[in-house]
C-alpha atoms as a PDB file:
ATOM      1  CA  MET A   1     -31.730  51.163-165.513  1.00  0.00           C
ATOM      2  CA  GLU A   2     -31.924  51.651-169.247  1.00  0.00           C
ATOM      3  CA  GLU A   3     -29.175  53.159-171.369  1.00  0.00           C
ATOM      4  CA  ILE A   4     -30.166  55.247-174.382  1.00  0.00           C
ATOM      5  CA  THR A   5     -27.724  56.820-176.834  1.00  0.00           C
ATOM      6  CA  CYS A   6     -28.614  60.344-177.963  1.00  0.00           C
ATOM      7  CA  ARG A   7     -26.850  62.670-180.345  1.00  0.00           C
ATOM      8  CA  VAL A   8     -25.848  66.217-179.426  1.00  0.00           C
ATOM      9  CA  ASP A   9     -26.745  68.713-182.156  1.00  0.00           C
ATOM     10  CA  ASN A  10     -24.575  71.639-183.274  1.00  0.00           C
ATOM     11  CA  GLN A  11     -26.104  73.882-180.595  1.00  0.00           C
ATOM     12  CA  GLY A  12     -25.446  71.422-177.758  1.00  0.00           C
ATOM     13  CA  ARG A  13     -29.032  70.184-177.522  1.00  0.00           C
ATOM     14  CA  VAL A  14     -30.178  66.634-176.906  1.00  0.00           C
ATOM     15  CA  THR A  15     -33.697  65.437-177.630  1.00  0.00           C
ATOM     16  CA  LEU A  16     -35.247  63.580-174.711  1.00  0.00           C
ATOM     17  CA  PRO A  17     -36.613  60.178-175.739  1.00  0.00           C
ATOM     18  CA  ALA A  18     -40.339  60.329-176.503  1.00  0.00           C
ATOM     19  CA  ALA A  19     -41.121  57.315-174.311  1.00  0.00           C
ATOM     20  CA  TRP A  20     -39.472  58.980-171.307  1.00  0.00           C
ATOM     21  CA  ARG A  21     -41.247  62.304-171.962  1.00  0.00           C
ATOM     22  CA  LYS A  22     -44.561  60.482-172.182  1.00  0.00           C
ATOM     23  CA  ALA A  23     -43.919  58.418-169.036  1.00  0.00           C
ATOM     24  CA  GLN A  24     -43.032  61.597-167.116  1.00  0.00           C
ATOM     25  CA  LYS A  25     -46.017  63.496-168.590  1.00  0.00           C
ATOM     26  CA  LEU A  26     -43.743  66.205-169.970  1.00  0.00           C
ATOM     27  CA  GLU A  27     -45.212  68.716-172.357  1.00  0.00           C
ATOM     28  CA  PRO A  28     -43.386  71.318-174.442  1.00  0.00           C
ATOM     29  CA  GLY A  29     -42.188  73.994-172.027  1.00  0.00           C
ATOM     30  CA  SER A  30     -42.056  71.645-169.023  1.00  0.00           C
ATOM     31  CA  ASP A  31     -39.140  72.177-166.666  1.00  0.00           C
ATOM     32  CA  VAL A  32     -36.674  69.433-165.863  1.00  0.00           C
ATOM     33  CA  VAL A  33     -33.821  69.518-163.345  1.00  0.00           C
ATOM     34  CA  MET A  34     -30.348  68.463-164.369  1.00  0.00           C
ATOM     35  CA  THR A  35     -27.830  67.521-161.690  1.00  0.00           C
ATOM     36  CA  VAL A  36     -24.169  67.481-162.683  1.00  0.00           C
ATOM     37  CA  ALA A  37     -22.143  64.775-160.929  1.00  0.00           C
ATOM     38  CA  GLY A  38     -18.668  64.938-162.368  1.00  0.00           C
ATOM     39  CA  PRO A  39     -18.832  63.503-165.873  1.00  0.00           C
ATOM     40  CA  GLN A  40     -22.457  62.363-165.404  1.00  0.00           C
ATOM     41  CA  LEU A  41     -25.793  64.143-165.707  1.00  0.00           C
ATOM     42  CA  LEU A  42     -28.941  63.166-163.852  1.00  0.00           C
ATOM     43  CA  LEU A  43     -32.119  64.438-165.466  1.00  0.00           C
ATOM     44  CA  GLN A  44     -35.432  64.354-163.653  1.00  0.00           C
ATOM     45  CA  THR A  45     -38.721  66.173-163.564  1.00  0.00           C
ATOM     46  CA  ARG A  46     -39.070  69.193-161.309  1.00  0.00           C
ATOM     47  CA  GLU A  47     -41.703  67.293-159.326  1.00  0.00           C
ATOM     48  CA  ARG A  48     -39.326  64.371-158.702  1.00  0.00           C
ATOM     49  CA  SER A  49     -36.577  66.770-157.654  1.00  0.00           C
ATOM     50  CA  LEU A  50     -38.937  68.482-155.181  1.00  0.00           C
ATOM     51  CA  ASP A  51     -40.078  65.107-153.822  1.00  0.00           C
ATOM     52  CA  GLU A  52     -36.450  64.165-153.163  1.00  0.00           C
ATOM     53  CA  ALA A  53     -35.737  67.483-151.449  1.00  0.00           C
ATOM     54  CA  GLN A  54     -38.829  67.120-149.247  1.00  0.00           C
ATOM     55  CA  ALA A  55     -37.803  63.575-148.305  1.00  0.00           C
ATOM     56  CA  ILE A  56     -34.360  64.832-147.228  1.00  0.00           C
ATOM     57  CA  VAL A  57     -35.889  67.593-145.097  1.00  0.00           C
ATOM     58  CA  ALA A  58     -38.414  65.162-143.583  1.00  0.00           C
ATOM     59  CA  ARG A  59     -35.586  62.930-142.329  1.00  0.00           C
ATOM     60  CA  TYR A  60     -34.301  65.778-140.183  1.00  0.00           C
ATOM     61  CA  SER A  61     -37.636  67.057-138.916  1.00  0.00           C
ATOM     62  CA  ARG A  62     -39.462  63.833-137.984  1.00  0.00           C
ATOM     63  CA  GLY A  63     -41.242  64.025-134.677  1.00  0.00           C
ATOM     64  CA  LYS A  64     -40.657  67.748-134.359  1.00  0.00           C
ATOM     65  CA  GLY A  65     -43.896  68.876-136.018  1.00  0.00           C
ATOM     66  CA  SER A  66     -44.284  71.493-138.677  1.00  0.00           C
ATOM     67  CA  ALA A  67     -41.445  73.988-138.987  1.00  0.00           C
ATOM     68  CA  VAL A  68     -44.052  76.735-139.389  1.00  0.00           C
ATOM     69  CA  GLU A  69     -45.838  75.662-136.210  1.00  0.00           C
ATOM     70  CA  ARG A  70     -42.540  75.574-134.302  1.00  0.00           C
ATOM     71  CA  LEU A  71     -41.664  79.056-135.577  1.00  0.00           C
ATOM     72  CA  LEU A  72     -45.091  80.436-134.629  1.00  0.00           C
ATOM     73  CA  LYS A  73     -44.894  78.873-131.158  1.00  0.00           C
ATOM     74  CA  GLU A  74     -41.461  80.408-130.573  1.00  0.00           C
ATOM     75  CA  ARG A  75     -42.588  83.797-131.891  1.00  0.00           C
ATOM     76  CA  ARG A  76     -45.669  83.745-129.630  1.00  0.00           C
ATOM     77  CA  ARG A  77     -43.436  82.919-126.659  1.00  0.00           C
ATOM     78  CA  GLN A  78     -41.127  85.822-127.518  1.00  0.00           C
ATOM     79  CA  ALA A  79     -44.094  88.178-127.987  1.00  0.00           C
ATOM     80  CA  ALA A  80     -45.452  87.219-124.547  1.00  0.00           C
ATOM     81  CA  LEU A  81     -42.058  87.950-122.969  1.00  0.00           C
ATOM     82  CA  GLU A  82     -41.929  91.301-124.756  1.00  0.00           C
ATOM     83  CA  ASP A  83     -45.459  92.132-123.517  1.00  0.00           C
ATOM     84  CA  GLU A  84     -44.441  91.291-119.934  1.00  0.00           C
ATOM     85  CA  GLU A  85     -41.344  93.447-120.225  1.00  0.00           C
ATOM     86  CA  ALA A  86     -43.364  96.328-121.661  1.00  0.00           C
ATOM     87  CA  ALA A  87     -45.907  96.047-118.832  1.00  0.00           C
ATOM     88  CA  ARG A  88     -43.115  96.134-116.217  1.00  0.00           C
ATOM     89  CA  HIS A  89     -41.548  99.106-117.954  1.00  0.00           C
ATOM     90  CA  ALA A  90     -44.896 100.951-118.119  1.00  0.00           C
ATOM     91  CA  LYS A  91     -45.435 100.504-114.352  1.00  0.00           C
ATOM     92  CA  GLY A  92     -42.231 102.409-113.732  1.00  0.00           C
ATOM     93  CA  PHE A  93     -43.633 105.506-115.484  1.00  0.00           C
ATOM     94  CA  ARG A  94     -46.858 105.700-113.470  1.00  0.00           C
END
């Protein structure tokens, strides 16, 4: 880990070190995510933040398949039950 001292300007802004911006491929207008942890700030690219979030979700969904596929499977099962119920109900009106 590298420590870099930056100065806060009169509007509360800090300039990100050029070497870090270049290494992260940040361009003017790029978004970064800042996490506040008590008296500390963690600054990372949006892509890195998303990668971390996806890794956390993956830990809880391993071996269970895609959440979308699970949702579709459950919805198809419910739709089949509803169709059966509707067919039984329709027989009563004949």
